[in-house]
C-alpha atoms as a PDB file:
ATOM      1  CA  UNK A   1     128.769 102.262  97.271  1.00  0.00           C
ATOM      2  CA  UNK A   2     132.136 100.721  98.070  1.00  0.00           C
ATOM      3  CA  UNK A   3     132.900  97.230  99.311  1.00  0.00           C
ATOM      4  CA  UNK A   4     132.303  98.562 102.835  1.00  0.00           C
ATOM      5  CA  UNK A   5     128.624  98.859 101.894  1.00  0.00           C
ATOM      6  CA  UNK A   6     125.950  96.197 102.314  1.00  0.00           C
ATOM      7  CA  UNK A   7     126.983  94.573  99.040  1.00  0.00           C
ATOM      8  CA  UNK A   8     130.206  93.544 100.818  1.00  0.00           C
ATOM      9  CA  UNK A   9     128.072  91.610 103.280  1.00  0.00           C
ATOM     10  CA  UNK A  10     126.181  89.894 100.467  1.00  0.00           C
ATOM     11  CA  UNK A  11     122.742  90.617 101.918  1.00  0.00           C
ATOM     12  CA  UNK A  12     120.696  93.104 103.876  1.00  0.00           C
ATOM     13  CA  UNK A  13     121.250  93.672 107.596  1.00  0.00           C
ATOM     14  CA  UNK A  14     118.470  93.667 110.182  1.00  0.00           C
ATOM     15  CA  UNK A  15     119.144  95.469 113.476  1.00  0.00           C
ATOM     16  CA  UNK A  16     116.435  95.898 116.111  1.00  0.00           C
ATOM     17  CA  UNK A  17     116.340  98.247 119.088  1.00  0.00           C
ATOM     18  CA  UNK A  18     114.498  97.161 122.230  1.00  0.00           C
ATOM     19  CA  UNK A  19     113.856  98.486 125.724  1.00  0.00           C
ATOM     20  CA  UNK A  20     111.285 100.027 127.997  1.00  0.00           C
ATOM     21  CA  UNK A  21     109.439 103.309 127.694  1.00  0.00           C
ATOM     22  CA  UNK A  22     111.638 106.394 127.379  1.00  0.00           C
ATOM     23  CA  UNK A  23     114.842 104.446 126.744  1.00  0.00           C
ATOM     24  CA  UNK A  24     115.744 106.603 123.726  1.00  0.00           C
ATOM     25  CA  UNK A  25     115.379 104.014 120.977  1.00  0.00           C
ATOM     26  CA  UNK A  26     114.087 106.392 118.301  1.00  0.00           C
ATOM     27  CA  UNK A  27     116.857 108.902 119.043  1.00  0.00           C
ATOM     28  CA  UNK A  28     119.577 106.275 118.779  1.00  0.00           C
ATOM     29  CA  UNK A  29     118.123 104.728 115.629  1.00  0.00           C
ATOM     30  CA  UNK A  30     118.215 108.145 113.956  1.00  0.00           C
ATOM     31  CA  UNK A  31     121.810 108.687 115.081  1.00  0.00           C
ATOM     32  CA  UNK A  32     123.018 105.296 113.867  1.00  0.00           C
ATOM     33  CA  UNK A  33     121.193 105.711 110.556  1.00  0.00           C
ATOM     34  CA  UNK A  34     122.830 109.089 109.994  1.00  0.00           C
ATOM     35  CA  UNK A  35     126.265 107.698 110.840  1.00  0.00           C
ATOM     36  CA  UNK A  36     125.788 104.788 108.438  1.00  0.00           C
ATOM     37  CA  UNK A  37     124.664 107.090 105.644  1.00  0.00           C
ATOM     38  CA  UNK A  38     127.626 109.372 106.171  1.00  0.00           C
ATOM     39  CA  UNK A  39     129.841 106.292 106.042  1.00  0.00           C
ATOM     40  CA  UNK A  40     128.682 105.453 102.544  1.00  0.00           C
ATOM     41  CA  UNK A  41     125.689 103.201 103.240  1.00  0.00           C
ATOM     42  CA  UNK A  42     122.939 104.885 101.261  1.00  0.00           C
ATOM     43  CA  UNK A  43     120.411 102.063 101.591  1.00  0.00           C
ATOM     44  CA  UNK A  44     119.388 102.528 105.224  1.00  0.00           C
ATOM     45  CA  UNK A  45     115.766 102.139 106.259  1.00  0.00           C
ATOM     46  CA  UNK A  46     114.432 103.125 109.700  1.00  0.00           C
ATOM     47  CA  UNK A  47     111.075 101.808 110.824  1.00  0.00           C
ATOM     48  CA  UNK A  48     109.096 100.883 113.947  1.00  0.00           C
ATOM     49  CA  UNK A  49     106.693  98.435 115.514  1.00  0.00           C
ATOM     50  CA  UNK A  50     103.843  98.349 115.756  1.00  0.00           C
ATOM     51  CA  UNK A  51     103.678 100.255 112.510  1.00  0.00           C
ATOM     52  CA  UNK A  52     106.014 100.875 109.610  1.00  0.00           C
ATOM     53  CA  UNK A  53     103.427 100.200 106.900  1.00  0.00           C
ATOM     54  CA  UNK A  54     100.041 101.936 106.421  1.00  0.00           C
ATOM     55  CA  UNK A  55      97.932  99.030 107.688  1.00  0.00           C
ATOM     56  CA  UNK A  56     100.302  98.355 110.561  1.00  0.00           C
ATOM     57  CA  UNK A  57     100.184 102.039 111.534  1.00  0.00           C
ATOM     58  CA  UNK A  58      96.391 101.828 111.738  1.00  0.00           C
ATOM     59  CA  UNK A  59      96.716  98.844 114.089  1.00  0.00           C
ATOM     60  CA  UNK A  60      99.295 100.789 116.108  1.00  0.00           C
ATOM     61  CA  UNK A  61      96.848 103.613 116.655  1.00  0.00           C
ATOM     62  CA  UNK A  62      94.225 101.190 117.984  1.00  0.00           C
ATOM     63  CA  UNK A  63      96.690  99.337 120.222  1.00  0.00           C
ATOM     64  CA  UNK A  64      98.171 102.455 121.823  1.00  0.00           C
ATOM     65  CA  UNK A  65      94.685 103.828 122.372  1.00  0.00           C
ATOM     66  CA  UNK A  66      93.934 100.725 124.449  1.00  0.00           C
ATOM     67  CA  UNK A  67      91.237  99.302 122.169  1.00  0.00           C
ATOM     68  CA  UNK A  68      92.443  95.709 122.700  1.00  0.00           C
ATOM     69  CA  UNK A  69      93.254  95.993 126.410  1.00  0.00           C
ATOM     70  CA  UNK A  70      89.829  94.797 127.641  1.00  0.00           C
ATOM     71  CA  UNK A  71      90.307  91.575 125.663  1.00  0.00           C
ATOM     72  CA  UNK A  72      93.586  90.687 127.363  1.00  0.00           C
ATOM     73  CA  UNK A  73      97.261  90.255 126.455  1.00  0.00           C
ATOM     74  CA  UNK A  74      96.686  87.465 123.938  1.00  0.00           C
ATOM     75  CA  UNK A  75      94.306  89.616 121.904  1.00  0.00           C
ATOM     76  CA  UNK A  76      96.961  92.329 121.926  1.00  0.00           C
ATOM     77  CA  UNK A  77      99.607  89.810 120.853  1.00  0.00           C
ATOM     78  CA  UNK A  78      97.407  88.776 117.920  1.00  0.00           C
ATOM     79  CA  UNK A  79      96.995  92.385 116.830  1.00  0.00           C
ATOM     80  CA  UNK A  80     100.730  93.004 117.138  1.00  0.00           C
ATOM     81  CA  UNK A  81     101.260  89.890 115.015  1.00  0.00           C
ATOM     82  CA  UNK A  82      98.810  91.104 112.366  1.00  0.00           C
ATOM     83  CA  UNK A  83     100.688  94.398 112.180  1.00  0.00           C
ATOM     84  CA  UNK A  84     104.014  92.540 112.054  1.00  0.00           C
ATOM     85  CA  UNK A  85     102.912  90.338 109.155  1.00  0.00           C
ATOM     86  CA  UNK A  86     102.045  93.375 107.050  1.00  0.00           C
ATOM     87  CA  UNK A  87     105.211  95.196 108.133  1.00  0.00           C
ATOM     88  CA  UNK A  88     107.406  92.235 107.193  1.00  0.00           C
ATOM     89  CA  UNK A  89     105.677  91.556 103.892  1.00  0.00           C
ATOM     90  CA  UNK A  90     105.461  95.126 102.626  1.00  0.00           C
ATOM     91  CA  UNK A  91     108.570  96.762 104.065  1.00  0.00           C
ATOM     92  CA  UNK A  92     111.185  94.725 105.952  1.00  0.00           C
ATOM     93  CA  UNK A  93     111.589  91.639 103.744  1.00  0.00           C
ATOM     94  CA  UNK A  94     111.663  93.591 100.453  1.00  0.00           C
ATOM     95  CA  UNK A  95     114.258  95.980 101.917  1.00  0.00           C
ATOM     96  CA  UNK A  96     116.460  93.116 103.097  1.00  0.00           C
ATOM     97  CA  UNK A  97     116.134  91.435  99.707  1.00  0.00           C
ATOM     98  CA  UNK A  98     117.440  94.661  98.122  1.00  0.00           C
ATOM     99  CA  UNK A  99     120.464  94.566 100.437  1.00  0.00           C
ATOM    100  CA  UNK A 100     119.374  97.429 102.672  1.00  0.00           C
ATOM    101  CA  UNK A 101     120.259  98.001 106.320  1.00  0.00           C
ATOM    102  CA  UNK A 102     116.994  97.931 108.294  1.00  0.00           C
ATOM    103  CA  UNK A 103     116.929  99.588 111.733  1.00  0.00           C
ATOM    104  CA  UNK A 104     113.696  98.778 113.560  1.00  0.00           C
ATOM    105  CA  UNK A 105     112.329 100.327 116.762  1.00  0.00           C
ATOM    106  CA  UNK A 106     110.944  97.203 118.524  1.00  0.00           C
ATOM    107  CA  UNK A 107     110.286  93.745 117.110  1.00  0.00           C
ATOM    108  CA  UNK A 108     109.490  90.302 118.528  1.00  0.00           C
ATOM    109  CA  UNK A 109     111.349  90.831 121.806  1.00  0.00           C
ATOM    110  CA  UNK A 110     108.841  93.505 122.749  1.00  0.00           C
ATOM    111  CA  UNK A 111     106.012  91.017 122.314  1.00  0.00           C
ATOM    112  CA  UNK A 112     107.914  88.534 124.467  1.00  0.00           C
ATOM    113  CA  UNK A 113     108.412  91.173 127.155  1.00  0.00           C
ATOM    114  CA  UNK A 114     105.154  93.158 127.085  1.00  0.00           C
ATOM    115  CA  UNK A 115     102.581  90.464 126.374  1.00  0.00           C
ATOM    116  CA  UNK A 116     104.698  87.558 127.644  1.00  0.00           C
ATOM    117  CA  UNK A 117     106.661  88.337 130.790  1.00  0.00           C
ATOM    118  CA  UNK A 118     104.617  91.360 131.862  1.00  0.00           C
ATOM    119  CA  UNK A 119     101.281  90.231 130.425  1.00  0.00           C
ATOM    120  CA  UNK A 120     101.424  86.605 131.504  1.00  0.00           C
ATOM    121  CA  UNK A 121     101.219  84.768 128.161  1.00  0.00           C
ATOM    122  CA  UNK A 122     103.070  81.456 128.175  1.00  0.00           C
ATOM    123  CA  UNK A 123     106.446  81.669 126.357  1.00  0.00           C
ATOM    124  CA  UNK A 124     105.684  78.515 124.346  1.00  0.00           C
ATOM    125  CA  UNK A 125     102.516  80.085 122.955  1.00  0.00           C
ATOM    126  CA  UNK A 126     104.339  83.247 121.916  1.00  0.00           C
ATOM    127  CA  UNK A 127     107.147  81.171 120.406  1.00  0.00           C
ATOM    128  CA  UNK A 128     104.630  79.305 118.253  1.00  0.00           C
ATOM    129  CA  UNK A 129     103.066  82.579 117.134  1.00  0.00           C
ATOM    130  CA  UNK A 130     106.495  83.974 116.339  1.00  0.00           C
ATOM    131  CA  UNK A 131     107.419  80.955 114.217  1.00  0.00           C
ATOM    132  CA  UNK A 132     104.302  81.424 112.102  1.00  0.00           C
ATOM    133  CA  UNK A 133     104.563  85.221 111.767  1.00  0.00           C
ATOM    134  CA  UNK A 134     108.305  85.835 111.562  1.00  0.00           C
ATOM    135  CA  UNK A 135     109.803  82.557 110.390  1.00  0.00           C
ATOM    136  CA  UNK A 136     113.440  82.989 109.372  1.00  0.00           C
ATOM    137  CA  UNK A 137     113.356  86.813 109.288  1.00  0.00           C
ATOM    138  CA  UNK A 138     115.184  87.207 112.581  1.00  0.00           C
ATOM    139  CA  UNK A 139     117.343  90.191 113.557  1.00  0.00           C
ATOM    140  CA  UNK A 140     121.076  89.947 112.939  1.00  0.00           C
ATOM    141  CA  UNK A 141     121.646  92.106 116.014  1.00  0.00           C
ATOM    142  CA  UNK A 142     119.393  93.355 118.799  1.00  0.00           C
ATOM    143  CA  UNK A 143     120.431  96.339 120.916  1.00  0.00           C
ATOM    144  CA  UNK A 144     118.593  96.382 124.242  1.00  0.00           C
ATOM    145  CA  UNK A 145     118.618  99.863 125.748  1.00  0.00           C
ATOM    146  CA  UNK A 146     118.476  99.260 129.490  1.00  0.00           C
ATOM    147  CA  UNK A 147     117.111 101.966 131.773  1.00  0.00           C
ATOM    148  CA  UNK A 148     115.601 102.278 135.243  1.00  0.00           C
ATOM    149  CA  UNK A 149     111.845 102.317 134.503  1.00  0.00           C
ATOM    150  CA  UNK A 150     111.224 105.279 136.817  1.00  0.00           C
ATOM    151  CA  UNK A 151     113.649 107.360 134.764  1.00  0.00           C
ATOM    152  CA  UNK A 152     112.211 106.042 131.507  1.00  0.00           C
ATOM    153  CA  UNK A 153     108.630 106.845 132.429  1.00  0.00           C
ATOM    154  CA  UNK A 154     109.647 110.343 133.535  1.00  0.00           C
ATOM    155  CA  UNK A 155     111.343 110.838 130.150  1.00  0.00           C
ATOM    156  CA  UNK A 156     108.250 109.559 128.335  1.00  0.00           C
ATOM    157  CA  UNK A 157     106.013 111.969 130.264  1.00  0.00           C
ATOM    158  CA  UNK A 158     108.348 114.887 129.542  1.00  0.00           C
ATOM    159  CA  UNK A 159     108.407 113.956 125.853  1.00  0.00           C
ATOM    160  CA  UNK A 160     104.615 113.823 125.634  1.00  0.00           C
ATOM    161  CA  UNK A 161     103.975 117.067 127.471  1.00  0.00           C
ATOM    162  CA  UNK A 162     101.544 117.787 130.327  1.00  0.00           C
ATOM    163  CA  UNK A 163      98.433 117.984 128.147  1.00  0.00           C
ATOM    164  CA  UNK A 164      98.899 114.593 126.451  1.00  0.00           C
ATOM    165  CA  UNK A 165      97.533 111.431 128.033  1.00  0.00           C
ATOM    166  CA  UNK A 166      99.956 108.496 128.423  1.00  0.00           C
ATOM    167  CA  UNK A 167      99.424 105.716 125.902  1.00  0.00           C
ATOM    168  CA  UNK A 168      98.212 102.199 126.679  1.00  0.00           C
ATOM    169  CA  UNK A 169     101.597 100.971 127.935  1.00  0.00           C
ATOM    170  CA  UNK A 170     102.993 104.148 129.468  1.00  0.00           C
ATOM    171  CA  UNK A 171      99.931 104.145 131.721  1.00  0.00           C
ATOM    172  CA  UNK A 172     100.758 100.744 133.227  1.00  0.00           C
ATOM    173  CA  UNK A 173     102.017 100.396 136.808  1.00  0.00           C
ATOM    174  CA  UNK A 174     105.649 100.780 137.786  1.00  0.00           C
ATOM    175  CA  UNK A 175     105.692  97.081 138.701  1.00  0.00           C
ATOM    176  CA  UNK A 176     104.657  96.239 135.118  1.00  0.00           C
ATOM    177  CA  UNK A 177     107.571  98.279 133.777  1.00  0.00           C
ATOM    178  CA  UNK A 178     109.983  96.659 136.206  1.00  0.00           C
ATOM    179  CA  UNK A 179     108.890  93.260 134.909  1.00  0.00           C
ATOM    180  CA  UNK A 180     109.519  94.521 131.386  1.00  0.00           C
ATOM    181  CA  UNK A 181     113.067  95.502 132.247  1.00  0.00           C
ATOM    182  CA  UNK A 182     113.746  92.118 133.819  1.00  0.00           C
ATOM    183  CA  UNK A 183     112.282  90.386 130.764  1.00  0.00           C
ATOM    184  CA  UNK A 184     114.523  92.255 128.315  1.00  0.00           C
ATOM    185  CA  UNK A 185     117.588  91.442 130.414  1.00  0.00           C
ATOM    186  CA  UNK A 186     116.604  87.766 130.499  1.00  0.00           C
ATOM    187  CA  UNK A 187     116.255  87.756 126.712  1.00  0.00           C
ATOM    188  CA  UNK A 188     119.728  89.274 126.373  1.00  0.00           C
ATOM    189  CA  UNK A 189     121.213  86.692 128.755  1.00  0.00           C
ATOM    190  CA  UNK A 190     119.527  83.823 126.894  1.00  0.00           C
ATOM    191  CA  UNK A 191     120.670  84.986 123.425  1.00  0.00           C
ATOM    192  CA  UNK A 192     124.047  86.707 123.888  1.00  0.00           C
ATOM    193  CA  UNK A 193     125.120  86.130 120.279  1.00  0.00           C
ATOM    194  CA  UNK A 194     122.185  88.169 118.986  1.00  0.00           C
ATOM    195  CA  UNK A 195     121.648  90.651 121.816  1.00  0.00           C
ATOM    196  CA  UNK A 196     123.746  93.361 123.437  1.00  0.00           C
ATOM    197  CA  UNK A 197     122.699  95.426 126.449  1.00  0.00           C
ATOM    198  CA  UNK A 198     123.405  99.159 126.285  1.00  0.00           C
ATOM    199  CA  UNK A 199     123.278 101.441 129.343  1.00  0.00           C
ATOM    200  CA  UNK A 200     120.602 103.936 128.293  1.00  0.00           C
ATOM    201  CA  UNK A 201     120.983 105.989 131.473  1.00  0.00           C
ATOM    202  CA  UNK A 202     124.077 107.737 130.114  1.00  0.00           C
ATOM    203  CA  UNK A 203     124.087 110.902 128.012  1.00  0.00           C
ATOM    204  CA  UNK A 204     122.839 110.418 124.444  1.00  0.00           C
ATOM    205  CA  UNK A 205     126.355 110.835 123.002  1.00  0.00           C
ATOM    206  CA  UNK A 206     127.734 108.121 125.299  1.00  0.00           C
ATOM    207  CA  UNK A 207     124.867 105.773 124.392  1.00  0.00           C
ATOM    208  CA  UNK A 208     125.532 106.443 120.714  1.00  0.00           C
ATOM    209  CA  UNK A 209     129.233 105.637 121.170  1.00  0.00           C
ATOM    210  CA  UNK A 210     128.405 102.392 122.989  1.00  0.00           C
ATOM    211  CA  UNK A 211     126.054 101.354 120.179  1.00  0.00           C
ATOM    212  CA  UNK A 212     128.674 102.079 117.528  1.00  0.00           C
ATOM    213  CA  UNK A 213     131.218 100.018 119.479  1.00  0.00           C
ATOM    214  CA  UNK A 214     128.869  97.026 119.613  1.00  0.00           C
ATOM    215  CA  UNK A 215     127.988  97.284 115.920  1.00  0.00           C
ATOM    216  CA  UNK A 216     131.669  97.549 115.004  1.00  0.00           C
ATOM    217  CA  UNK A 217     132.481  94.481 117.093  1.00  0.00           C
ATOM    218  CA  UNK A 218     129.561  92.317 115.988  1.00  0.00           C
ATOM    219  CA  UNK A 219     129.509  93.413 112.336  1.00  0.00           C
ATOM    220  CA  UNK A 220     133.073  94.163 111.249  1.00  0.00           C
ATOM    221  CA  UNK A 221     133.175  96.489 108.258  1.00  0.00           C
ATOM    222  CA  UNK A 222     129.675  97.900 108.637  1.00  0.00           C
ATOM    223  CA  UNK A 223     130.849 101.167 110.166  1.00  0.00           C
ATOM    224  CA  UNK A 224     133.981 101.545 108.063  1.00  0.00           C
ATOM    225  CA  UNK A 225     134.170 104.756 106.085  1.00  0.00           C
ATOM    226  CA  UNK A 226     132.763 104.349 102.603  1.00  0.00           C
ATOM    227  CA  UNK A 227     132.496 106.621  99.632  1.00  0.00           C
ATOM    228  CA  UNK A 228     130.600 109.883 100.139  1.00  0.00           C
ATOM    229  CA  UNK A 229     127.568 110.443  97.992  1.00  0.00           C
ATOM    230  CA  UNK A 230     123.930 111.509  97.990  1.00  0.00           C
ATOM    231  CA  UNK A 231     121.844 110.003 100.768  1.00  0.00           C
ATOM    232  CA  UNK A 232     118.943 108.221  99.169  1.00  0.00           C
ATOM    233  CA  UNK A 233     116.943 106.299 101.729  1.00  0.00           C
ATOM    234  CA  UNK A 234     113.880 107.151 103.708  1.00  0.00           C
ATOM    235  CA  UNK A 235     112.393 106.798 107.157  1.00  0.00           C
ATOM    236  CA  UNK A 236     109.221 104.844 107.762  1.00  0.00           C
ATOM    237  CA  UNK A 237     109.081 105.638 111.456  1.00  0.00           C
END
């Protein structure tokens, strides 16, 4: 790895991708990871929430199946937090300590949006929970993929196929998803130094180019061409 690698930054890099259903987060994470690896960054980890570690993936399965829904948004927030603790302890923090670039599909902003703004939990309560669970392990950059929820839900249905039932959150009302979109945009407006809004309604190549432009602007040197070599990292998502 050359000085354009993470060692030039002196630490790992934590980038999160946020947005509503069908916004294309997983596609764009894979594209950015591939671009980084081709640029000489061979320590790139892709992961997701809820999930990313074996115990967190088990919680994910229960959450998306709607097991916690009857108990309300706060019960869901607690389960998301339990998954996040394991994810941070077993995967994210060790990777950052090794100087890796971590690209994560959803993180705390999704809890703020889904269980907070759309679910009705008081922001102060979620902030307290976040302080306990996440502490200083905050993203260096958050890319919010913004998309009309009607388009996003149609994409999610097409991705799943006609025989597959929508998951716990895809099955929510259109009004719920509109509140989600508004919540993500409010988060971006409140924390402009950390967050950048990307138009996810464009073609995938245009979205990818917009993401690269933001990363290049916010993290100078990260996308510079490095030495070619064997790609050696893995995907947890």
